All heavy atoms as atom14 arrays in JSON, in Angstrom:
{
  "sequence": "SLALVFSTFSILSVGFLVASLVPTARFAQPIGTVVLYPMLGLSGLFVP",
  "atom14_mask": [
    [1, 1, 1, 1, 1, 1, 0, 0, 0, 0, 0, 0, 0, 0],
    [1, 1, 1, 1, 1, 1, 1, 1, 0, 0, 0, 0, 0, 0],
    [1, 1, 1, 1, 1, 0, 0, 0, 0, 0, 0, 0, 0, 0],
    [1, 1, 1, 1, 1, 1, 1, 1, 0, 0, 0, 0, 0, 0],
    [1, 1, 1, 1, 1, 1, 1, 0, 0, 0, 0, 0, 0, 0],
    [1, 1, 1, 1, 1, 1, 1, 1, 1, 1, 1, 0, 0, 0],
    [1, 1, 1, 1, 1, 1, 0, 0, 0, 0, 0, 0, 0, 0],
    [1, 1, 1, 1, 1, 1, 1, 0, 0, 0, 0, 0, 0, 0],
    [1, 1, 1, 1, 1, 1, 1, 1, 1, 1, 1, 0, 0, 0],
    [1, 1, 1, 1, 1, 1, 0, 0, 0, 0, 0, 0, 0, 0],
    [1, 1, 1, 1, 1, 1, 1, 1, 0, 0, 0, 0, 0, 0],
    [1, 1, 1, 1, 1, 1, 1, 1, 0, 0, 0, 0, 0, 0],
    [1, 1, 1, 1, 1, 1, 0, 0, 0, 0, 0, 0, 0, 0],
    [1, 1, 1, 1, 1, 1, 1, 0, 0, 0, 0, 0, 0, 0],
    [1, 1, 1, 1, 0, 0, 0, 0, 0, 0, 0, 0, 0, 0],
    [1, 1, 1, 1, 1, 1, 1, 1, 1, 1, 1, 0, 0, 0],
    [1, 1, 1, 1, 1, 1, 1, 1, 0, 0, 0, 0, 0, 0],
    [1, 1, 1, 1, 1, 1, 1, 0, 0, 0, 0, 0, 0, 0],
    [1, 1, 1, 1, 1, 0, 0, 0, 0, 0, 0, 0, 0, 0],
    [1, 1, 1, 1, 1, 1, 0, 0, 0, 0, 0, 0, 0, 0],
    [1, 1, 1, 1, 1, 1, 1, 1, 0, 0, 0, 0, 0, 0],
    [1, 1, 1, 1, 1, 1, 1, 0, 0, 0, 0, 0, 0, 0],
    [1, 1, 1, 1, 1, 1, 1, 0, 0, 0, 0, 0, 0, 0],
    [1, 1, 1, 1, 1, 1, 1, 0, 0, 0, 0, 0, 0, 0],
    [1, 1, 1, 1, 1, 0, 0, 0, 0, 0, 0, 0, 0, 0],
    [1, 1, 1, 1, 1, 1, 1, 1, 1, 1, 1, 0, 0, 0],
    [1, 1, 1, 1, 1, 1, 1, 1, 1, 1, 1, 0, 0, 0],
    [1, 1, 1, 1, 1, 0, 0, 0, 0, 0, 0, 0, 0, 0],
    [1, 1, 1, 1, 1, 1, 1, 1, 1, 0, 0, 0, 0, 0],
    [1, 1, 1, 1, 1, 1, 1, 0, 0, 0, 0, 0, 0, 0],
    [1, 1, 1, 1, 1, 1, 1, 1, 0, 0, 0, 0, 0, 0],
    [1, 1, 1, 1, 0, 0, 0, 0, 0, 0, 0, 0, 0, 0],
    [1, 1, 1, 1, 1, 1, 1, 0, 0, 0, 0, 0, 0, 0],
    [1, 1, 1, 1, 1, 1, 1, 0, 0, 0, 0, 0, 0, 0],
    [1, 1, 1, 1, 1, 1, 1, 0, 0, 0, 0, 0, 0, 0],
    [1, 1, 1, 1, 1, 1, 1, 1, 0, 0, 0, 0, 0, 0],
    [1, 1, 1, 1, 1, 1, 1, 1, 1, 1, 1, 1, 0, 0],
    [1, 1, 1, 1, 1, 1, 1, 0, 0, 0, 0, 0, 0, 0],
    [1, 1, 1, 1, 1, 1, 1, 1, 0, 0, 0, 0, 0, 0],
    [1, 1, 1, 1, 1, 1, 1, 1, 0, 0, 0, 0, 0, 0],
    [1, 1, 1, 1, 0, 0, 0, 0, 0, 0, 0, 0, 0, 0],
    [1, 1, 1, 1, 1, 1, 1, 1, 0, 0, 0, 0, 0, 0],
    [1, 1, 1, 1, 1, 1, 0, 0, 0, 0, 0, 0, 0, 0],
    [1, 1, 1, 1, 0, 0, 0, 0, 0, 0, 0, 0, 0, 0],
    [1, 1, 1, 1, 1, 1, 1, 1, 0, 0, 0, 0, 0, 0],
    [1, 1, 1, 1, 1, 1, 1, 1, 1, 1, 1, 0, 0, 0],
    [1, 1, 1, 1, 1, 1, 1, 0, 0, 0, 0, 0, 0, 0],
    [1, 1, 1, 1, 1, 1, 1, 0, 0, 0, 0, 0, 0, 0]
  ],
  "atom14_positions": [
    [[34.26, -9.45, -29.0], [34.52, -10.84, -28.59], [35.67, -10.88, -27.54], [35.52, -11.62, -26.55], [34.84, -11.65, -29.81], [33.84, -11.64, -30.77], [0.0, 0.0, 0.0], [0.0, 0.0, 0.0], [0.0, 0.0, 0.0], [0.0, 0.0, 0.0], [0.0, 0.0, 0.0], [0.0, 0.0, 0.0], [0.0, 0.0, 0.0], [0.0, 0.0, 0.0]],
    [[36.69, -10.08, -27.8], [37.75, -10.02, -26.82], [37.28, -9.48, -25.5], [37.67, -9.99, -24.44], [38.85, -9.14, -27.35], [40.16, -9.09, -26.58], [40.81, -10.47, -26.48], [41.16, -8.15, -27.25], [0.0, 0.0, 0.0], [0.0, 0.0, 0.0], [0.0, 0.0, 0.0], [0.0, 0.0, 0.0], [0.0, 0.0, 0.0], [0.0, 0.0, 0.0]],
    [[36.43, -8.44, -25.53], [35.86, -7.86, -24.25], [35.01, -8.88, -23.51], [35.1, -8.96, -22.32], [35.11, -6.65, -24.62], [0.0, 0.0, 0.0], [0.0, 0.0, 0.0], [0.0, 0.0, 0.0], [0.0, 0.0, 0.0], [0.0, 0.0, 0.0], [0.0, 0.0, 0.0], [0.0, 0.0, 0.0], [0.0, 0.0, 0.0], [0.0, 0.0, 0.0]],
    [[34.27, -9.68, -24.3], [33.4, -10.67, -23.65], [34.31, -11.75, -22.96], [33.99, -12.18, -21.81], [32.46, -11.31, -24.64], [31.59, -12.47, -24.09], [30.71, -11.97, -22.97], [30.73, -13.04, -25.22], [0.0, 0.0, 0.0], [0.0, 0.0, 0.0], [0.0, 0.0, 0.0], [0.0, 0.0, 0.0], [0.0, 0.0, 0.0], [0.0, 0.0, 0.0]],
    [[35.28, -12.32, -23.69], [36.18, -13.32, -23.13], [36.89, -12.72, -21.91], [37.06, -13.44, -20.9], [37.16, -13.82, -24.2], [38.21, -14.75, -23.53], [36.37, -14.54, -25.3], [0.0, 0.0, 0.0], [0.0, 0.0, 0.0], [0.0, 0.0, 0.0], [0.0, 0.0, 0.0], [0.0, 0.0, 0.0], [0.0, 0.0, 0.0], [0.0, 0.0, 0.0]],
    [[37.34, -11.5, -21.97], [38.05, -10.89, -20.87], [37.06, -10.76, -19.66], [37.48, -11.06, -18.53], [38.53, -9.49, -21.25], [39.19, -8.75, -20.13], [40.46, -9.07, -19.68], [38.5, -7.65, -19.61], [41.04, -8.33, -18.67], [39.09, -6.93, -18.55], [40.3, -7.21, -18.09], [0.0, 0.0, 0.0], [0.0, 0.0, 0.0], [0.0, 0.0, 0.0]],
    [[35.9, -10.28, -19.86], [34.9, -10.11, -18.8], [34.55, -11.46, -18.17], [34.47, -11.64, -16.95], [33.62, -9.46, -19.36], [33.89, -8.17, -19.83], [0.0, 0.0, 0.0], [0.0, 0.0, 0.0], [0.0, 0.0, 0.0], [0.0, 0.0, 0.0], [0.0, 0.0, 0.0], [0.0, 0.0, 0.0], [0.0, 0.0, 0.0], [0.0, 0.0, 0.0]],
    [[34.38, -12.47, -19.05], [34.06, -13.85, -18.54], [35.22, -14.39, -17.68], [35.03, -14.9, -16.61], [33.78, -14.78, -19.72], [32.74, -14.29, -20.52], [33.46, -16.19, -19.26], [0.0, 0.0, 0.0], [0.0, 0.0, 0.0], [0.0, 0.0, 0.0], [0.0, 0.0, 0.0], [0.0, 0.0, 0.0], [0.0, 0.0, 0.0], [0.0, 0.0, 0.0]],
    [[36.43, -14.17, -18.15], [37.65, -14.58, -17.45], [37.67, -13.93, -16.05], [37.99, -14.65, -15.07], [38.88, -14.2, -18.25], [40.14, -14.81, -17.69], [40.4, -16.17, -17.86], [41.09, -14.0, -17.1], [41.61, -16.69, -17.35], [42.27, -14.57, -16.55], [42.53, -15.89, -16.74], [0.0, 0.0, 0.0], [0.0, 0.0, 0.0], [0.0, 0.0, 0.0]],
    [[37.32, -12.7, -15.92], [37.36, -11.99, -14.69], [36.25, -12.47, -13.72], [36.5, -12.78, -12.6], [37.2, -10.45, -14.92], [37.2, -9.79, -13.67], [0.0, 0.0, 0.0], [0.0, 0.0, 0.0], [0.0, 0.0, 0.0], [0.0, 0.0, 0.0], [0.0, 0.0, 0.0], [0.0, 0.0, 0.0], [0.0, 0.0, 0.0], [0.0, 0.0, 0.0]],
    [[35.0, -12.55, -14.28], [33.85, -12.9, -13.42], [33.93, -14.39, -13.02], [33.34, -14.77, -12.03], [32.58, -12.54, -14.11], [32.51, -11.04, -14.33], [31.36, -12.97, -13.28], [31.34, -10.54, -15.11], [0.0, 0.0, 0.0], [0.0, 0.0, 0.0], [0.0, 0.0, 0.0], [0.0, 0.0, 0.0], [0.0, 0.0, 0.0], [0.0, 0.0, 0.0]],
    [[34.61, -15.2, -13.84], [34.77, -16.63, -13.46], [35.53, -16.68, -12.1], [35.32, -17.71, -11.4], [35.54, -17.36, -14.56], [34.73, -17.9, -15.69], [35.69, -18.38, -16.78], [33.78, -19.04, -15.21], [0.0, 0.0, 0.0], [0.0, 0.0, 0.0], [0.0, 0.0, 0.0], [0.0, 0.0, 0.0], [0.0, 0.0, 0.0], [0.0, 0.0, 0.0]],
    [[36.34, -15.68, -11.76], [37.02, -15.73, -10.48], [36.06, -15.68, -9.33], [36.34, -16.24, -8.25], [38.03, -14.59, -10.39], [37.36, -13.3, -10.39], [0.0, 0.0, 0.0], [0.0, 0.0, 0.0], [0.0, 0.0, 0.0], [0.0, 0.0, 0.0], [0.0, 0.0, 0.0], [0.0, 0.0, 0.0], [0.0, 0.0, 0.0], [0.0, 0.0, 0.0]],
    [[34.9, -15.03, -9.47], [33.84, -15.1, -8.53], [33.34, -16.55, -8.35], [33.09, -17.06, -7.23], [32.68, -14.13, -8.89], [31.58, -14.18, -7.78], [33.19, -12.71, -9.02], [0.0, 0.0, 0.0], [0.0, 0.0, 0.0], [0.0, 0.0, 0.0], [0.0, 0.0, 0.0], [0.0, 0.0, 0.0], [0.0, 0.0, 0.0], [0.0, 0.0, 0.0]],
    [[33.23, -17.17, -9.5], [32.83, -18.58, -9.48], [33.9, -19.47, -8.8], [33.56, -20.43, -8.11], [0.0, 0.0, 0.0], [0.0, 0.0, 0.0], [0.0, 0.0, 0.0], [0.0, 0.0, 0.0], [0.0, 0.0, 0.0], [0.0, 0.0, 0.0], [0.0, 0.0, 0.0], [0.0, 0.0, 0.0], [0.0, 0.0, 0.0], [0.0, 0.0, 0.0]],
    [[35.17, -19.11, -8.96], [36.22, -19.81, -8.28], [35.9, -19.88, -6.76], [36.01, -20.97, -6.15], [37.58, -19.1, -8.43], [38.15, -19.03, -9.79], [39.31, -18.24, -10.01], [37.58, -19.75, -10.84], [39.8, -18.18, -11.33], [38.14, -19.65, -12.13], [39.24, -18.85, -12.35], [0.0, 0.0, 0.0], [0.0, 0.0, 0.0], [0.0, 0.0, 0.0]],
    [[35.65, -18.69, -6.2], [35.47, -18.58, -4.78], [34.26, -19.36, -4.35], [34.29, -20.16, -3.35], [35.34, -17.12, -4.35], [35.2, -16.87, -2.82], [36.42, -17.45, -2.1], [35.07, -15.4, -2.53], [0.0, 0.0, 0.0], [0.0, 0.0, 0.0], [0.0, 0.0, 0.0], [0.0, 0.0, 0.0], [0.0, 0.0, 0.0], [0.0, 0.0, 0.0]],
    [[33.12, -19.26, -5.08], [31.92, -19.97, -4.67], [32.14, -21.48, -4.82], [31.8, -22.26, -3.95], [30.73, -19.51, -5.57], [29.45, -20.35, -5.2], [30.42, -18.06, -5.34], [0.0, 0.0, 0.0], [0.0, 0.0, 0.0], [0.0, 0.0, 0.0], [0.0, 0.0, 0.0], [0.0, 0.0, 0.0], [0.0, 0.0, 0.0], [0.0, 0.0, 0.0]],
    [[32.78, -21.83, -5.92], [33.04, -23.31, -6.18], [34.0, -23.85, -5.14], [33.98, -25.09, -4.84], [33.7, -23.51, -7.61], [0.0, 0.0, 0.0], [0.0, 0.0, 0.0], [0.0, 0.0, 0.0], [0.0, 0.0, 0.0], [0.0, 0.0, 0.0], [0.0, 0.0, 0.0], [0.0, 0.0, 0.0], [0.0, 0.0, 0.0], [0.0, 0.0, 0.0]],
    [[34.9, -23.01, -4.59], [35.87, -23.5, -3.62], [35.21, -23.79, -2.29], [35.75, -24.52, -1.43], [36.96, -22.46, -3.41], [37.69, -22.22, -4.63], [0.0, 0.0, 0.0], [0.0, 0.0, 0.0], [0.0, 0.0, 0.0], [0.0, 0.0, 0.0], [0.0, 0.0, 0.0], [0.0, 0.0, 0.0], [0.0, 0.0, 0.0], [0.0, 0.0, 0.0]],
    [[33.99, -23.22, -2.03], [33.37, -23.34, -0.73], [32.11, -24.11, -0.74], [31.76, -24.76, 0.3], [33.01, -21.9, -0.23], [34.19, -20.97, 0.0], [33.72, -19.58, 0.35], [35.15, -21.52, 1.09], [0.0, 0.0, 0.0], [0.0, 0.0, 0.0], [0.0, 0.0, 0.0], [0.0, 0.0, 0.0], [0.0, 0.0, 0.0], [0.0, 0.0, 0.0]],
    [[31.35, -24.25, -1.82], [30.09, -24.97, -1.87], [30.37, -26.44, -1.66], [31.13, -27.07, -2.37], [29.38, -24.75, -3.25], [28.16, -25.66, -3.34], [28.97, -23.31, -3.45], [0.0, 0.0, 0.0], [0.0, 0.0, 0.0], [0.0, 0.0, 0.0], [0.0, 0.0, 0.0], [0.0, 0.0, 0.0], [0.0, 0.0, 0.0], [0.0, 0.0, 0.0]],
    [[29.71, -27.03, -0.68], [30.07, -28.45, -0.3], [29.51, -29.52, -1.28], [30.16, -30.49, -1.57], [29.46, -28.6, 1.07], [28.3, -27.58, 1.12], [28.77, -26.47, 0.29], [0.0, 0.0, 0.0], [0.0, 0.0, 0.0], [0.0, 0.0, 0.0], [0.0, 0.0, 0.0], [0.0, 0.0, 0.0], [0.0, 0.0, 0.0], [0.0, 0.0, 0.0]],
    [[28.26, -29.27, -1.73], [27.63, -30.34, -2.56], [26.98, -29.72, -3.79], [26.66, -28.48, -3.87], [26.52, -31.07, -1.8], [25.49, -30.21, -1.39], [27.16, -31.73, -0.55], [0.0, 0.0, 0.0], [0.0, 0.0, 0.0], [0.0, 0.0, 0.0], [0.0, 0.0, 0.0], [0.0, 0.0, 0.0], [0.0, 0.0, 0.0], [0.0, 0.0, 0.0]],
    [[26.7, -30.56, -4.8], [26.02, -30.07, -6.04], [24.63, -29.61, -5.72], [24.12, -28.77, -6.51], [26.05, -31.2, -7.01], [0.0, 0.0, 0.0], [0.0, 0.0, 0.0], [0.0, 0.0, 0.0], [0.0, 0.0, 0.0], [0.0, 0.0, 0.0], [0.0, 0.0, 0.0], [0.0, 0.0, 0.0], [0.0, 0.0, 0.0], [0.0, 0.0, 0.0]],
    [[24.04, -30.13, -4.7], [22.61, -29.71, -4.41], [22.51, -28.25, -4.08], [21.51, -27.59, -4.42], [22.14, -30.52, -3.11], [20.72, -30.2, -2.72], [20.38, -30.99, -1.41], [20.52, -32.37, -1.62], [20.36, -33.28, -0.64], [20.08, -32.91, 0.55], [20.51, -34.53, -0.95], [0.0, 0.0, 0.0], [0.0, 0.0, 0.0], [0.0, 0.0, 0.0]],
    [[23.59, -27.69, -3.48], [23.56, -26.25, -3.1], [24.23, -25.38, -4.2], [24.24, -24.16, -4.08], [24.31, -26.06, -1.8], [23.58, -26.69, -0.63], [24.07, -27.92, -0.12], [22.46, -26.19, -0.09], [23.42, -28.53, 0.96], [21.74, -26.79, 0.98], [22.3, -27.97, 1.46], [0.0, 0.0, 0.0], [0.0, 0.0, 0.0], [0.0, 0.0, 0.0]],
    [[24.91, -25.96, -5.17], [25.68, -25.22, -6.09], [24.84, -24.25, -6.91], [25.14, -23.01, -6.96], [26.46, -26.16, -7.06], [0.0, 0.0, 0.0], [0.0, 0.0, 0.0], [0.0, 0.0, 0.0], [0.0, 0.0, 0.0], [0.0, 0.0, 0.0], [0.0, 0.0, 0.0], [0.0, 0.0, 0.0], [0.0, 0.0, 0.0], [0.0, 0.0, 0.0]],
    [[23.82, -24.68, -7.59], [22.96, -23.84, -8.45], [22.24, -22.77, -7.6], [22.31, -21.61, -7.97], [21.96, -24.68, -9.27], [22.6, -25.46, -10.37], [22.85, -24.55, -11.58], [22.49, -23.38, -11.59], [23.51, -25.09, -12.59], [0.0, 0.0, 0.0], [0.0, 0.0, 0.0], [0.0, 0.0, 0.0], [0.0, 0.0, 0.0], [0.0, 0.0, 0.0]],
    [[21.59, -23.14, -6.5], [20.92, -22.09, -5.72], [21.86, -21.01, -5.22], [21.55, -19.8, -5.3], [20.27, -22.87, -4.5], [20.11, -24.22, -5.03], [21.27, -24.46, -5.95], [0.0, 0.0, 0.0], [0.0, 0.0, 0.0], [0.0, 0.0, 0.0], [0.0, 0.0, 0.0], [0.0, 0.0, 0.0], [0.0, 0.0, 0.0], [0.0, 0.0, 0.0]],
    [[22.99, -21.36, -4.67], [23.96, -20.45, -4.13], [24.49, -19.57, -5.25], [24.66, -18.32, -5.13], [25.06, -21.09, -3.34], [24.53, -21.73, -2.05], [26.15, -20.12, -2.97], [25.55, -22.53, -1.22], [0.0, 0.0, 0.0], [0.0, 0.0, 0.0], [0.0, 0.0, 0.0], [0.0, 0.0, 0.0], [0.0, 0.0, 0.0], [0.0, 0.0, 0.0]],
    [[24.91, -20.21, -6.35], [25.43, -19.48, -7.5], [24.39, -18.49, -8.03], [24.74, -17.33, -8.34], [0.0, 0.0, 0.0], [0.0, 0.0, 0.0], [0.0, 0.0, 0.0], [0.0, 0.0, 0.0], [0.0, 0.0, 0.0], [0.0, 0.0, 0.0], [0.0, 0.0, 0.0], [0.0, 0.0, 0.0], [0.0, 0.0, 0.0], [0.0, 0.0, 0.0]],
    [[23.2, -18.91, -8.09], [22.11, -18.0, -8.58], [21.87, -16.85, -7.66], [21.75, -15.7, -8.12], [20.77, -18.8, -8.73], [20.95, -19.85, -9.64], [19.66, -17.89, -9.23], [0.0, 0.0, 0.0], [0.0, 0.0, 0.0], [0.0, 0.0, 0.0], [0.0, 0.0, 0.0], [0.0, 0.0, 0.0], [0.0, 0.0, 0.0], [0.0, 0.0, 0.0]],
    [[21.85, -17.08, -6.35], [21.68, -16.02, -5.39], [22.82, -15.02, -5.42], [22.62, -13.84, -5.28], [21.49, -16.59, -3.94], [21.62, -15.52, -2.88], [20.17, -17.3, -3.84], [0.0, 0.0, 0.0], [0.0, 0.0, 0.0], [0.0, 0.0, 0.0], [0.0, 0.0, 0.0], [0.0, 0.0, 0.0], [0.0, 0.0, 0.0], [0.0, 0.0, 0.0]],
    [[24.03, -15.51, -5.65], [25.2, -14.61, -5.74], [25.31, -13.8, -6.98], [25.54, -12.61, -6.99], [26.48, -15.46, -5.55], [27.75, -14.58, -5.82], [26.59, -16.02, -4.14], [0.0, 0.0, 0.0], [0.0, 0.0, 0.0], [0.0, 0.0, 0.0], [0.0, 0.0, 0.0], [0.0, 0.0, 0.0], [0.0, 0.0, 0.0], [0.0, 0.0, 0.0]],
    [[24.95, -14.43, -8.13], [25.21, -13.82, -9.44], [24.03, -13.05, -10.01], [24.23, -11.88, -10.49], [25.61, -14.92, -10.42], [26.93, -15.68, -10.14], [27.11, -16.83, -11.09], [28.06, -14.69, -10.29], [0.0, 0.0, 0.0], [0.0, 0.0, 0.0], [0.0, 0.0, 0.0], [0.0, 0.0, 0.0], [0.0, 0.0, 0.0], [0.0, 0.0, 0.0]],
    [[22.84, -13.59, -9.98], [21.75, -12.95, -10.72], [21.28, -11.63, -10.15], [20.83, -10.8, -10.92], [20.57, -13.94, -10.89], [20.87, -14.88, -12.08], [21.39, -16.15, -11.84], [20.66, -14.46, -13.38], [21.63, -17.0, -12.85], [20.96, -15.33, -14.43], [21.44, -16.61, -14.21], [21.75, -17.46, -15.16], [0.0, 0.0, 0.0], [0.0, 0.0, 0.0]],
    [[21.31, -11.41, -8.81], [20.92, -10.08, -8.35], [21.87, -8.95, -8.95], [21.4, -7.78, -8.94], [21.17, -10.18, -6.81], [20.91, -11.59, -6.51], [21.48, -12.37, -7.69], [0.0, 0.0, 0.0], [0.0, 0.0, 0.0], [0.0, 0.0, 0.0], [0.0, 0.0, 0.0], [0.0, 0.0, 0.0], [0.0, 0.0, 0.0], [0.0, 0.0, 0.0]],
    [[23.06, -9.31, -9.42], [23.94, -8.33, -10.0], [23.31, -7.73, -11.22], [23.64, -6.59, -11.61], [25.29, -8.91, -10.34], [26.1, -9.38, -9.17], [27.73, -9.94, -9.78], [28.38, -10.74, -8.35], [0.0, 0.0, 0.0], [0.0, 0.0, 0.0], [0.0, 0.0, 0.0], [0.0, 0.0, 0.0], [0.0, 0.0, 0.0], [0.0, 0.0, 0.0]],
    [[22.47, -8.48, -11.94], [21.91, -8.04, -13.19], [21.15, -6.71, -12.99], [21.23, -5.79, -13.85], [20.96, -9.08, -13.78], [21.61, -10.26, -14.42], [20.54, -11.3, -14.78], [22.43, -9.88, -15.66], [0.0, 0.0, 0.0], [0.0, 0.0, 0.0], [0.0, 0.0, 0.0], [0.0, 0.0, 0.0], [0.0, 0.0, 0.0], [0.0, 0.0, 0.0]],
    [[20.36, -6.61, -11.91], [19.55, -5.45, -11.71], [20.31, -4.19, -11.36], [19.8, -3.06, -11.56], [0.0, 0.0, 0.0], [0.0, 0.0, 0.0], [0.0, 0.0, 0.0], [0.0, 0.0, 0.0], [0.0, 0.0, 0.0], [0.0, 0.0, 0.0], [0.0, 0.0, 0.0], [0.0, 0.0, 0.0], [0.0, 0.0, 0.0], [0.0, 0.0, 0.0]],
    [[21.53, -4.3, -10.86], [22.41, -3.18, -10.5], [23.54, -2.9, -11.4], [24.29, -2.06, -11.09], [22.85, -3.4, -9.05], [21.79, -3.55, -7.95], [22.41, -3.88, -6.6], [20.91, -2.29, -7.82], [0.0, 0.0, 0.0], [0.0, 0.0, 0.0], [0.0, 0.0, 0.0], [0.0, 0.0, 0.0], [0.0, 0.0, 0.0], [0.0, 0.0, 0.0]],
    [[23.69, -3.67, -12.47], [24.83, -3.58, -13.26], [24.83, -2.51, -14.32], [25.79, -2.27, -15.04], [25.07, -4.95, -13.98], [24.01, -5.18, -14.86], [0.0, 0.0, 0.0], [0.0, 0.0, 0.0], [0.0, 0.0, 0.0], [0.0, 0.0, 0.0], [0.0, 0.0, 0.0], [0.0, 0.0, 0.0], [0.0, 0.0, 0.0], [0.0, 0.0, 0.0]],
    [[23.65, -1.78, -14.42], [23.51, -0.79, -15.47], [23.03, -1.37, -16.74], [22.88, -0.63, -17.81], [0.0, 0.0, 0.0], [0.0, 0.0, 0.0], [0.0, 0.0, 0.0], [0.0, 0.0, 0.0], [0.0, 0.0, 0.0], [0.0, 0.0, 0.0], [0.0, 0.0, 0.0], [0.0, 0.0, 0.0], [0.0, 0.0, 0.0], [0.0, 0.0, 0.0]],
    [[22.58, -2.59, -16.77], [22.08, -3.19, -17.97], [20.71, -2.74, -18.27], [20.31, -2.51, -19.43], [22.16, -4.73, -17.74], [21.84, -5.63, -18.98], [22.82, -5.29, -20.11], [21.89, -7.11, -18.61], [0.0, 0.0, 0.0], [0.0, 0.0, 0.0], [0.0, 0.0, 0.0], [0.0, 0.0, 0.0], [0.0, 0.0, 0.0], [0.0, 0.0, 0.0]],
    [[19.88, -2.59, -17.22], [18.45, -2.2, -17.47], [18.25, -0.73, -17.06], [17.52, -0.06, -17.71], [17.5, -3.11, -16.62], [17.68, -4.54, -16.95], [18.26, -5.41, -16.05], [17.33, -5.07, -18.14], [18.43, -6.78, -16.34], [17.45, -6.42, -18.42], [17.98, -7.23, -17.56], [0.0, 0.0, 0.0], [0.0, 0.0, 0.0], [0.0, 0.0, 0.0]],
    [[18.93, -0.32, -15.95], [18.8, 1.05, -15.51], [20.28, 1.62, -15.33], [21.05, 0.97, -14.71], [18.08, 1.08, -14.1], [17.97, 2.53, -13.63], [16.68, 0.51, -14.21], [0.0, 0.0, 0.0], [0.0, 0.0, 0.0], [0.0, 0.0, 0.0], [0.0, 0.0, 0.0], [0.0, 0.0, 0.0], [0.0, 0.0, 0.0], [0.0, 0.0, 0.0]],
    [[20.51, 2.8, -15.92], [21.85, 3.32, -15.76], [22.23, 3.48, -14.24], [21.41, 3.81, -13.38], [21.67, 4.8, -16.37], [20.58, 4.64, -17.33], [19.64, 3.65, -16.71], [0.0, 0.0, 0.0], [0.0, 0.0, 0.0], [0.0, 0.0, 0.0], [0.0, 0.0, 0.0], [0.0, 0.0, 0.0], [0.0, 0.0, 0.0], [0.0, 0.0, 0.0]]
  ]
}
């Protein structure tokens, strides 16, 4: 649980930067998805 909270705290900083720049709510979800979800495939979660 501590590792998850720590990881979330760190990765939220990526959200800081995106949130600081995204102009409107219309673009928030698409831009956030494009930035974050491609990381899943390269993070070692599915393939080492």
